[in-house]
Amino acid sequence: MLFDNHVHTAFSVDSEMTAQQALQAAQGLDLGLVFTEHYDCAYPEAIDFTFDPQAYWKQYEPLRGENLRLGVEIGMCENDEERNLSFISQVPFDLVIGSIHLLDGQDIYYEEFYKEKEKQAVYTQYFYWMAKLLRTHSFVDVLGHIDYIARYAPYDNPEISYGTFRQEIDEVLRAAVDTDTVMELNTRRLKSRLAQKELMPVYKRYHELGGRYLTLGSDAHSADAIGSSFHEACEMAAACGLQLVTFCQRKREIVKF
């Protein structure tokens, strides 16, 4: 069964989707799910991007099974390794995604972050910290959405363009290979042909450097986004020679579909 390995329900502060809504949508698409709620302990205090893992487990563990696994998406920031490791040790998560949502303590979701900053400098900083933090967070299973910044950066061309950032992206990919971290192909932006075109060289290079596995994740915060662009993602994975996997009890499982 194909799995959507990156889904947020009401345990994430930015989602109101119920487990039942998510499961119903996935069933209609013949997909398995991994819930991956936000835990970002370095986030500015105005918004709490954390959750109670015990409450999460108590509510959702009865639903956990062949078609549903329970995970977490942790925000990787400097000096947060111990807090993140302590958090994920509290319950037996099936999957831990490591992602970057902040730079210089600011949320890169907001346009204000980019004011008076050139793309070259911002993206270089973004990839530098992604590579460095992936090595210090070598306990994560999956690196989330390498192209996250391209969703929100207000530049004329927000793509991560491997040809422009080859050296910086290679450092990220080498860190993933060295730490045996699986890359995620996040499908949020795959409706864009340009995004597909720019991402293909990244994942082909990942394979060249020794990467062999890939998870698919919609990053859904609503039921209608579950499984979005999975057909395109499967074609991209095949073209790059990457095997799709999911996780159960922090162990890789080959996906057959």
Protein backbone atom coordinates (compact mmCIF):
# COMPACT_ATOMS: atom_id res chain seq x y z
CA MET A 1 0.00 0.00 0.00
CA LEU A 2 1.17 3.50 -0.84
CA PHE A 3 1.46 5.80 2.19
CA ASP A 4 1.06 9.53 2.63
CA ASN A 5 3.82 9.99 5.18
CA HIS A 6 3.31 13.66 6.08
CA VAL A 7 -0.13 14.60 7.41
CA HIS A 8 -1.21 17.08 10.10
CA THR A 9 -4.38 16.78 12.18
CA ALA A 10 -5.79 18.92 14.98
CA PHE A 11 -2.81 18.10 17.22
CA SER A 12 -0.88 20.53 15.01
CA VAL A 13 -1.66 24.15 15.80
CA ASP A 14 -2.12 25.00 12.13
CA SER A 15 -4.58 22.20 11.31
CA GLU A 16 -8.18 21.49 12.27
CA MET A 17 -8.51 18.18 10.40
CA THR A 18 -9.80 15.30 12.50
CA ALA A 19 -8.36 11.82 12.36
CA GLN A 20 -11.66 10.54 11.03
CA GLN A 21 -11.67 13.06 8.16
CA ALA A 22 -8.12 12.12 7.24
CA LEU A 23 -8.77 8.39 7.38
CA GLN A 24 -11.93 8.67 5.32
CA ALA A 25 -10.12 10.63 2.61
CA ALA A 26 -7.23 8.16 2.56
CA GLN A 27 -9.56 5.19 2.34
CA GLY A 28 -11.16 6.66 -0.76
CA LEU A 29 -7.70 6.92 -2.34
CA ASP A 30 -6.52 3.50 -1.12
CA LEU A 31 -3.70 5.15 0.83
CA GLY A 32 -2.16 4.50 4.20
CA LEU A 33 -1.36 7.47 6.43
CA VAL A 34 1.28 8.62 8.84
CA PHE A 35 0.19 11.47 11.11
CA THR A 36 3.16 13.79 11.67
CA GLU A 37 2.17 16.55 14.07
CA HIS A 38 4.29 19.66 14.48
CA TYR A 39 6.80 19.88 17.31
CA ASP A 40 8.91 23.03 16.93
CA CYS A 41 10.29 23.93 20.34
CA ALA A 42 12.23 26.97 19.07
CA TYR A 43 9.24 28.66 17.53
CA PRO A 44 8.53 32.24 18.72
CA GLU A 45 6.30 32.16 21.80
CA ALA A 46 3.32 33.86 20.14
CA ILE A 47 2.31 30.54 18.59
CA ASP A 48 2.80 27.17 20.27
CA PHE A 49 4.03 24.66 17.69
CA THR A 50 4.20 21.81 20.20
CA PHE A 51 1.79 19.17 21.43
CA ASP A 52 1.35 16.73 24.29
CA PRO A 53 2.74 13.38 23.07
CA GLN A 54 0.95 11.42 25.80
CA ALA A 55 -2.43 12.90 24.87
CA TYR A 56 -1.66 12.28 21.20
CA TRP A 57 -0.85 8.66 21.85
CA LYS A 58 -3.85 8.12 24.09
CA GLN A 59 -6.25 9.51 21.48
CA TYR A 60 -4.78 8.00 18.33
CA GLU A 61 -3.09 4.78 19.38
CA PRO A 62 -6.41 2.85 19.24
CA LEU A 63 -6.58 3.80 15.53
CA ARG A 64 -2.98 2.82 14.81
CA GLY A 65 -2.56 -0.23 12.62
CA GLU A 66 -1.78 -1.42 9.13
CA ASN A 67 -3.23 1.70 7.49
CA LEU A 68 -2.26 4.32 10.09
CA ARG A 69 1.05 5.05 11.75
CA LEU A 70 1.81 7.80 14.24
CA GLY A 71 4.73 10.12 13.76
CA VAL A 72 6.01 13.63 14.38
CA GLU A 73 7.59 16.44 12.39
CA ILE A 74 10.22 18.13 14.52
CA GLY A 75 11.67 21.52 13.73
CA MET A 76 15.45 21.36 13.60
CA CYS A 77 17.21 24.36 15.14
CA GLU A 78 20.67 24.92 16.55
CA ASN A 79 21.16 23.59 20.09
CA ASP A 80 17.73 21.91 20.14
CA GLU A 81 19.00 18.38 19.63
CA GLU A 82 18.57 17.30 23.26
CA ARG A 83 15.06 18.73 23.59
CA ASN A 84 14.00 17.13 20.34
CA LEU A 85 15.51 13.79 21.26
CA SER A 86 13.85 13.93 24.67
CA PHE A 87 10.48 14.66 23.07
CA ILE A 88 10.56 11.78 20.60
CA SER A 89 11.57 9.36 23.35
CA GLN A 90 8.32 9.91 25.26
CA VAL A 91 6.15 7.69 23.03
CA PRO A 92 7.02 5.02 20.44
CA PHE A 93 6.63 7.09 17.29
CA ASP A 94 6.62 5.21 14.00
CA LEU A 95 8.28 8.00 12.02
CA VAL A 96 10.26 11.15 12.84
CA ILE A 97 10.58 13.82 10.15
CA GLY A 98 13.18 16.54 10.62
CA SER A 99 12.41 19.87 8.95
CA ILE A 100 13.54 23.47 8.85
CA HIS A 101 10.88 26.15 9.29
CA LEU A 102 12.97 28.86 10.97
CA LEU A 103 16.10 30.83 10.12
CA ASP A 104 17.62 33.30 12.57
CA GLY A 105 14.69 32.53 14.86
CA GLN A 106 12.22 33.80 12.26
CA ASP A 107 9.52 31.84 10.45
CA ILE A 108 10.36 31.66 6.75
CA TYR A 109 6.65 31.31 6.03
CA TYR A 110 6.25 35.08 6.40
CA GLU A 111 7.19 37.55 3.67
CA GLU A 112 8.64 39.89 6.30
CA PHE A 113 11.59 37.52 6.78
CA TYR A 114 12.77 38.16 3.20
CA LYS A 115 12.70 41.95 3.27
CA GLU A 116 15.97 43.48 2.03
CA LYS A 117 17.50 40.00 1.61
CA GLU A 118 18.70 38.66 -1.69
CA LYS A 119 17.70 35.17 -2.75
CA GLN A 120 21.29 33.93 -3.12
CA ALA A 121 22.14 34.79 0.48
CA VAL A 122 18.88 33.47 1.95
CA TYR A 123 18.94 30.15 0.09
CA THR A 124 22.63 29.62 0.84
CA GLN A 125 21.88 30.12 4.53
CA TYR A 126 18.86 27.81 4.29
CA PHE A 127 20.82 24.91 2.79
CA TYR A 128 23.81 25.49 5.08
CA TRP A 129 21.67 25.05 8.17
CA MET A 130 19.73 22.17 6.67
CA ALA A 131 22.92 20.20 6.08
CA LYS A 132 24.44 21.10 9.45
CA LEU A 133 21.31 20.38 11.48
CA LEU A 134 20.65 17.12 9.71
CA ARG A 135 24.01 15.92 10.95
CA THR A 136 23.34 17.04 14.53
CA HIS A 137 19.84 15.53 14.31
CA SER A 138 21.04 12.25 12.85
CA PHE A 139 18.33 10.49 14.87
CA VAL A 140 15.55 11.61 12.51
CA ASP A 141 14.25 9.14 9.93
CA VAL A 142 13.32 11.51 7.09
CA LEU A 143 14.37 14.96 5.90
CA GLY A 144 11.20 16.92 5.22
CA HIS A 145 10.51 19.10 2.18
CA ILE A 146 13.90 20.25 0.94
CA ASP A 147 12.02 22.83 -1.17
CA TYR A 148 9.93 24.26 1.69
CA ILE A 149 11.40 27.72 1.26
CA ALA A 150 10.22 27.85 -2.37
CA ARG A 151 6.60 27.77 -1.21
CA TYR A 152 6.77 31.16 0.44
CA ALA A 153 9.83 33.13 -0.70
CA PRO A 154 8.52 36.22 -2.55
CA TYR A 155 11.21 36.25 -5.23
CA ASP A 156 10.34 36.34 -8.92
CA ASN A 157 11.72 32.80 -9.19
CA PRO A 158 11.48 31.05 -5.81
CA GLU A 159 12.66 27.63 -7.08
CA ILE A 160 15.63 25.97 -5.40
CA SER A 161 17.30 25.43 -8.84
CA TYR A 162 20.00 22.76 -8.52
CA GLY A 163 22.06 24.43 -11.23
CA THR A 164 22.35 27.57 -9.10
CA PHE A 165 22.76 25.95 -5.68
CA ARG A 166 24.57 22.76 -6.65
CA GLN A 167 27.27 22.92 -3.97
CA GLU A 168 24.86 23.83 -1.18
CA ILE A 169 22.28 21.19 -2.13
CA ASP A 170 25.00 18.55 -2.46
CA GLU A 171 25.97 19.20 1.16
CA VAL A 172 22.39 18.51 2.21
CA LEU A 173 22.20 15.34 0.15
CA ARG A 174 25.55 14.09 1.44
CA ALA A 175 24.37 14.70 4.99
CA ALA A 176 21.24 12.65 4.28
CA VAL A 177 23.28 9.77 2.84
CA ASP A 178 25.91 9.88 5.58
CA THR A 179 23.30 9.80 8.35
CA ASP A 180 21.11 7.21 6.57
CA THR A 181 18.26 9.69 6.49
CA VAL A 182 15.57 9.13 3.86
CA MET A 183 14.66 12.08 1.67
CA GLU A 184 11.04 13.13 1.43
CA LEU A 185 9.45 14.10 -1.86
CA ASN A 186 6.88 16.58 -0.64
CA THR A 187 4.02 16.77 -3.11
CA ARG A 188 2.61 20.14 -2.05
CA ARG A 189 4.15 21.93 -5.05
CA LEU A 190 4.05 19.19 -7.68
CA LYS A 191 1.05 20.65 -9.49
CA SER A 192 3.64 23.05 -10.89
CA ARG A 193 5.53 21.67 -13.88
CA LEU A 194 8.35 24.09 -13.10
CA ALA A 195 8.66 22.72 -9.57
CA GLN A 196 8.84 19.19 -10.96
CA LYS A 197 11.51 20.23 -13.45
CA GLU A 198 13.65 21.92 -10.79
CA LEU A 199 13.31 19.07 -8.28
CA MET A 200 14.22 16.24 -10.64
CA PRO A 201 17.98 17.02 -10.68
CA VAL A 202 17.98 17.18 -6.87
CA TYR A 203 16.59 13.67 -6.46
CA LYS A 204 18.69 12.25 -9.29
CA ARG A 205 21.76 13.65 -7.56
CA TYR A 206 20.60 12.10 -4.28
CA HIS A 207 20.62 8.73 -6.05
CA GLU A 208 24.06 9.40 -7.55
CA LEU A 209 25.44 10.10 -4.07
CA GLY A 210 24.08 6.82 -2.72
CA GLY A 211 20.52 7.61 -1.68
CA ARG A 212 18.12 4.78 -2.41
CA TYR A 213 14.88 5.51 -0.57
CA LEU A 214 12.15 8.11 -0.68
CA THR A 215 8.98 8.87 1.25
CA LEU A 216 6.03 10.69 -0.25
CA GLY A 217 4.23 13.28 1.82
CA SER A 218 1.42 15.67 0.94
CA ASP A 219 1.91 17.85 4.04
CA ALA A 220 -1.88 17.85 4.19
CA HIS A 221 -3.61 20.07 6.72
CA SER A 222 -7.04 19.35 5.27
CA ALA A 223 -8.67 16.20 3.94
CA ASP A 224 -8.80 17.38 0.34
CA ALA A 225 -5.00 17.65 0.23
CA ILE A 226 -4.25 14.06 1.22
CA GLY A 227 -2.48 12.18 -1.56
CA SER A 228 -2.18 15.32 -3.67
CA SER A 229 -0.05 14.84 -6.83
CA PHE A 230 0.99 11.32 -5.83
CA HIS A 231 0.79 10.12 -9.43
CA GLU A 232 3.39 12.68 -10.47
CA ALA A 233 5.50 11.88 -7.42
CA CYS A 234 5.54 8.15 -8.18
CA GLU A 235 6.67 8.88 -11.73
CA MET A 236 9.45 11.13 -10.43
CA ALA A 237 10.63 8.52 -7.94
CA ALA A 238 10.78 5.86 -10.65
CA ALA A 239 12.66 8.20 -13.01
CA CYS A 240 15.25 8.83 -10.28
CA GLY A 241 15.63 5.13 -9.43
CA LEU A 242 14.42 5.63 -5.87
CA GLN A 243 12.46 3.06 -3.87
CA LEU A 244 9.38 4.30 -2.01
CA VAL A 245 9.23 3.44 1.68
CA THR A 246 7.19 4.11 4.77
CA PHE A 247 8.07 3.58 8.45
CA CYS A 248 6.69 1.47 11.27
CA GLN A 249 8.30 1.57 14.70
CA ARG A 250 11.13 3.65 13.20
CA LYS A 251 11.99 0.92 10.68
CA ARG A 252 11.82 1.29 6.91
CA GLU A 253 9.23 -0.72 5.03
CA ILE A 254 9.33 -1.11 1.28
CA VAL A 255 6.13 0.13 -0.33
CA LYS A 256 4.50 -2.17 -2.85
CA PHE A 257 1.57 -0.88 -4.86
